[in-house]
Amino acid sequence: MITLNRPSHINAFSVQMRDELYEILNLLRDDPNAKVAILKGSGEQGFCAGADLTEFGTAPSQVIARSVRWERDLWGLFHTQPKPIVAALHGYVIGSGIEIASLCDVRIAADNCIFRMPEVALGMVPAAGGTQTLPRLIGTSRTLEFILSNRVMKVEEARKIGLVDRIVTTSELLDECMSVSKLLTGYDESALFLARKSVLSGLDLPLQAGLKLEKRLAETMSTG
């Protein structure tokens, strides 16, 4: 269980949280006893209210900030994680909160979820992978409309377009995530990893190359 734990700030994503989440994902990857992770937000208000804007401009220099970010490629670590991550979403899921959830394998949302991408309206560009992950989930046209409009999206629409996979009541959220996680732990770890790799890596390939990748990974399982 991985928890974004700044409830007084609706878990606004800070530099400290980025660094700690980076370490936790490395631990998840390397721990042989860890099979699946559930990523959730603490408190009643929401999963994550986006990036902590109060930290903008506080880095010693843009060069140092960029260097640290490349050294701690959190988003790449999500993408290459060999173990499934289930996102438990509730309340406000804003900006970076959506981008983090988009990097998870299964997204289960409470029926009180509210989604919004406010970056452009704030004079910024989404910088936690949203311009790349969202089109793969909901399509290019929907992504552009969502990011450029700064509108609120309710959970029913998010489910309809594929931004989330399931909707449950708030009281059922963690139980549902645990149920899915227990189901996944019963499967062969190598099969889970290779199936995930085939899907994610294949997105960047032409169809024929993707089919060859799938065949090669399937043969890896059959040869054991």
Protein backbone atom coordinates (compact mmCIF):
# COMPACT_ATOMS: atom_id res chain seq x y z
CA MET A 1 0.00 0.00 0.00
CA ILE A 2 1.52 3.31 -1.14
CA THR A 3 -0.10 6.46 0.23
CA LEU A 4 0.25 10.06 -0.93
CA ASN A 5 0.25 11.56 2.53
CA ARG A 6 -0.34 15.32 2.64
CA PRO A 7 -4.03 15.38 3.53
CA SER A 8 -3.95 19.01 4.69
CA HIS A 9 -2.96 19.98 1.11
CA ILE A 10 -5.21 17.39 -0.60
CA ASN A 11 -1.96 15.52 -1.27
CA ALA A 12 -0.58 18.23 -3.56
CA PHE A 13 2.47 16.67 -5.15
CA SER A 14 5.69 18.17 -3.78
CA VAL A 15 9.36 17.61 -4.60
CA GLN A 16 9.73 15.61 -1.37
CA MET A 17 6.81 13.40 -2.38
CA ARG A 18 8.35 12.88 -5.81
CA ASP A 19 11.65 11.77 -4.29
CA GLU A 20 10.00 9.49 -1.73
CA LEU A 21 7.69 7.92 -4.33
CA TYR A 22 10.72 7.31 -6.54
CA GLU A 23 12.40 5.38 -3.71
CA ILE A 24 9.22 3.43 -2.93
CA LEU A 25 8.79 2.36 -6.57
CA ASN A 26 12.38 1.16 -6.61
CA LEU A 27 11.64 -0.82 -3.45
CA LEU A 28 8.51 -2.29 -5.04
CA ARG A 29 10.53 -3.34 -8.07
CA ASP A 30 13.30 -4.98 -6.03
CA ASP A 31 11.31 -6.57 -3.20
CA PRO A 32 10.64 -10.25 -4.03
CA ASN A 33 7.81 -10.33 -1.48
CA ALA A 34 5.93 -7.45 -3.11
CA LYS A 35 3.61 -8.63 -5.89
CA VAL A 36 1.17 -5.75 -6.46
CA ALA A 37 0.87 -2.18 -5.17
CA ILE A 38 -2.18 -0.06 -4.39
CA LEU A 39 -1.57 3.68 -4.73
CA LYS A 40 -4.00 5.86 -2.79
CA GLY A 41 -4.34 9.34 -1.33
CA SER A 42 -4.80 10.07 2.38
CA GLY A 43 -7.60 12.13 3.86
CA GLU A 44 -11.19 12.57 2.75
CA GLN A 45 -10.80 15.38 0.22
CA GLY A 46 -9.02 13.70 -2.65
CA PHE A 47 -6.38 11.51 -4.22
CA CYS A 48 -4.15 14.39 -5.35
CA ALA A 49 -4.83 18.08 -6.03
CA GLY A 50 -1.96 18.36 -8.52
CA ALA A 51 1.54 19.76 -8.22
CA ASP A 52 2.39 21.92 -5.23
CA LEU A 53 2.59 25.30 -6.98
CA THR A 54 4.08 26.96 -3.90
CA GLU A 55 7.37 25.22 -4.71
CA PHE A 56 7.73 26.71 -8.17
CA GLY A 57 10.91 28.78 -8.43
CA THR A 58 12.37 27.46 -5.19
CA ALA A 59 15.01 25.23 -6.81
CA PRO A 60 18.62 26.52 -6.56
CA SER A 61 18.67 26.81 -10.36
CA GLN A 62 16.82 25.49 -13.39
CA VAL A 63 19.93 23.51 -14.35
CA ILE A 64 20.00 21.73 -10.97
CA ALA A 65 16.24 21.15 -11.03
CA ARG A 66 16.43 19.63 -14.50
CA SER A 67 19.39 17.46 -13.53
CA VAL A 68 17.62 16.12 -10.43
CA ARG A 69 14.51 15.36 -12.43
CA TRP A 70 16.44 13.36 -15.03
CA GLU A 71 18.30 11.46 -12.32
CA ARG A 72 15.00 10.57 -10.65
CA ASP A 73 12.87 9.64 -13.63
CA LEU A 74 9.75 8.86 -11.62
CA TRP A 75 7.51 8.69 -14.67
CA GLY A 76 9.87 6.31 -16.47
CA LEU A 77 9.99 4.17 -13.33
CA PHE A 78 6.21 3.86 -13.40
CA HIS A 79 6.36 2.88 -17.06
CA THR A 80 9.01 0.19 -16.59
CA GLN A 81 7.72 -1.14 -13.26
CA PRO A 82 7.48 -4.94 -13.54
CA LYS A 83 4.67 -5.21 -10.98
CA PRO A 84 1.08 -4.03 -11.40
CA ILE A 85 -0.07 -0.87 -9.65
CA VAL A 86 -3.74 -0.30 -8.83
CA ALA A 87 -4.80 3.33 -8.35
CA ALA A 88 -7.46 4.00 -5.71
CA LEU A 89 -8.97 7.36 -6.66
CA HIS A 90 -11.31 9.50 -4.60
CA GLY A 91 -12.40 13.10 -4.41
CA TYR A 92 -10.20 15.59 -6.23
CA VAL A 93 -7.98 14.07 -8.91
CA ILE A 94 -6.36 17.13 -10.45
CA GLY A 95 -3.40 17.77 -12.77
CA SER A 96 -0.50 15.63 -11.62
CA GLY A 97 -3.01 13.43 -9.80
CA ILE A 98 -4.50 12.43 -13.16
CA GLU A 99 -1.05 11.99 -14.65
CA ILE A 100 0.08 9.71 -11.82
CA ALA A 101 -3.12 7.68 -12.06
CA SER A 102 -2.64 7.36 -15.83
CA LEU A 103 0.68 5.62 -15.22
CA CYS A 104 -0.99 2.93 -13.10
CA ASP A 105 -2.29 -0.32 -14.59
CA VAL A 106 -5.81 -0.31 -13.13
CA ARG A 107 -7.71 2.79 -12.03
CA ILE A 108 -10.62 2.30 -9.64
CA ALA A 109 -12.55 5.45 -8.79
CA ALA A 110 -14.92 6.33 -5.99
CA ASP A 111 -18.19 7.86 -7.15
CA ASN A 112 -17.22 11.25 -5.70
CA CYS A 113 -14.21 11.75 -8.01
CA ILE A 114 -13.74 15.05 -9.84
CA PHE A 115 -11.11 15.33 -12.58
CA ARG A 116 -9.50 18.46 -14.05
CA MET A 117 -6.31 19.45 -15.91
CA PRO A 118 -5.72 23.14 -14.98
CA GLU A 119 -2.14 23.62 -16.21
CA VAL A 120 -2.83 25.54 -19.43
CA ALA A 121 -5.26 27.86 -17.65
CA LEU A 122 -2.45 28.59 -15.16
CA GLY A 123 -0.03 29.46 -17.97
CA MET A 124 1.83 26.15 -17.80
CA VAL A 125 2.15 22.91 -19.73
CA PRO A 126 1.42 19.51 -18.13
CA ALA A 127 4.83 18.16 -17.17
CA ALA A 128 4.19 14.81 -15.51
CA GLY A 129 3.51 12.85 -18.67
CA GLY A 130 -0.11 13.80 -19.22
CA THR A 131 0.29 14.98 -22.81
CA GLN A 132 1.61 11.50 -23.66
CA THR A 133 -0.29 9.12 -21.38
CA LEU A 134 -3.75 10.65 -21.73
CA PRO A 135 -3.97 10.34 -25.54
CA ARG A 136 -3.14 6.65 -25.15
CA LEU A 137 -6.00 6.25 -22.69
CA ILE A 138 -8.75 8.50 -24.02
CA GLY A 139 -7.63 9.51 -27.52
CA THR A 140 -6.02 12.62 -28.97
CA SER A 141 -9.17 14.70 -29.50
CA ARG A 142 -10.56 14.11 -26.01
CA THR A 143 -7.15 14.81 -24.47
CA LEU A 144 -6.80 18.14 -26.27
CA GLU A 145 -10.31 19.24 -25.31
CA PHE A 146 -9.78 18.21 -21.69
CA ILE A 147 -6.34 19.79 -21.28
CA LEU A 148 -7.10 23.02 -23.16
CA SER A 149 -10.54 23.69 -21.65
CA ASN A 150 -9.69 23.33 -17.92
CA ARG A 151 -13.18 21.93 -17.43
CA VAL A 152 -14.33 19.62 -14.64
CA MET A 153 -14.94 16.02 -15.65
CA LYS A 154 -17.19 13.91 -13.48
CA VAL A 155 -16.49 10.28 -12.75
CA GLU A 156 -19.24 8.90 -14.99
CA GLU A 157 -17.69 10.55 -18.04
CA ALA A 158 -14.20 9.45 -16.95
CA ARG A 159 -15.42 5.85 -16.92
CA LYS A 160 -17.18 6.18 -20.26
CA ILE A 161 -14.06 7.44 -22.08
CA GLY A 162 -11.61 5.07 -20.35
CA LEU A 163 -9.86 7.40 -17.94
CA VAL A 164 -10.93 5.08 -15.12
CA ASP A 165 -11.78 1.38 -15.27
CA ARG A 166 -14.35 0.94 -12.50
CA ILE A 167 -16.57 3.08 -10.29
CA VAL A 168 -17.52 2.09 -6.75
CA THR A 169 -18.83 3.89 -3.71
CA THR A 170 -16.32 5.62 -1.46
CA SER A 171 -16.84 3.04 1.25
CA GLU A 172 -16.15 0.20 -1.21
CA LEU A 173 -13.02 1.71 -2.78
CA LEU A 174 -10.24 0.04 -0.82
CA ASP A 175 -12.05 -3.30 -0.65
CA GLU A 176 -12.42 -3.29 -4.43
CA CYS A 177 -8.75 -2.40 -4.89
CA MET A 178 -7.75 -5.18 -2.50
CA SER A 179 -9.95 -7.64 -4.39
CA VAL A 180 -8.33 -6.76 -7.71
CA SER A 181 -4.86 -6.88 -6.17
CA LYS A 182 -5.44 -10.32 -4.64
CA LEU A 183 -6.66 -11.57 -8.02
CA LEU A 184 -3.45 -10.33 -9.67
CA THR A 185 -1.21 -11.90 -7.03
CA GLY A 186 -2.62 -15.29 -8.00
CA TYR A 187 -1.25 -15.04 -11.52
CA ASP A 188 2.23 -15.93 -12.76
CA GLU A 189 4.53 -12.94 -12.15
CA SER A 190 6.42 -13.40 -15.39
CA ALA A 191 3.20 -13.55 -17.39
CA LEU A 192 1.97 -10.31 -15.77
CA PHE A 193 5.26 -8.58 -16.44
CA LEU A 194 5.60 -9.71 -20.06
CA ALA A 195 1.95 -8.98 -20.90
CA ARG A 196 2.32 -5.47 -19.48
CA LYS A 197 5.60 -4.98 -21.34
CA SER A 198 4.04 -6.14 -24.60
CA VAL A 199 1.14 -3.69 -24.29
CA LEU A 200 3.17 -0.66 -23.21
CA SER A 201 6.18 -1.18 -25.48
CA GLY A 202 3.94 -2.04 -28.41
CA LEU A 203 2.23 1.35 -28.25
CA ASP A 204 5.35 2.94 -29.71
CA LEU A 205 5.70 0.41 -32.54
CA PRO A 206 4.00 -0.10 -35.91
CA LEU A 207 1.47 -2.95 -35.80
CA GLN A 208 3.70 -5.53 -37.47
CA ALA A 209 6.60 -4.74 -35.16
CA GLY A 210 4.26 -4.91 -32.18
CA LEU A 211 3.01 -8.33 -33.24
CA LYS A 212 6.59 -9.55 -33.51
CA LEU A 213 7.28 -8.22 -30.02
CA GLU A 214 4.24 -10.05 -28.68
CA LYS A 215 5.36 -13.30 -30.33
CA ARG A 216 8.88 -12.94 -28.95
CA LEU A 217 7.66 -12.30 -25.41
CA ALA A 218 5.16 -15.18 -25.60
CA GLU A 219 7.96 -17.49 -26.70
CA THR A 220 9.96 -16.33 -23.68
CA MET A 221 7.21 -17.72 -21.44
CA SER A 222 6.90 -20.99 -23.36
CA THR A 223 10.65 -21.64 -23.17
CA GLY A 224 10.64 -20.79 -19.49
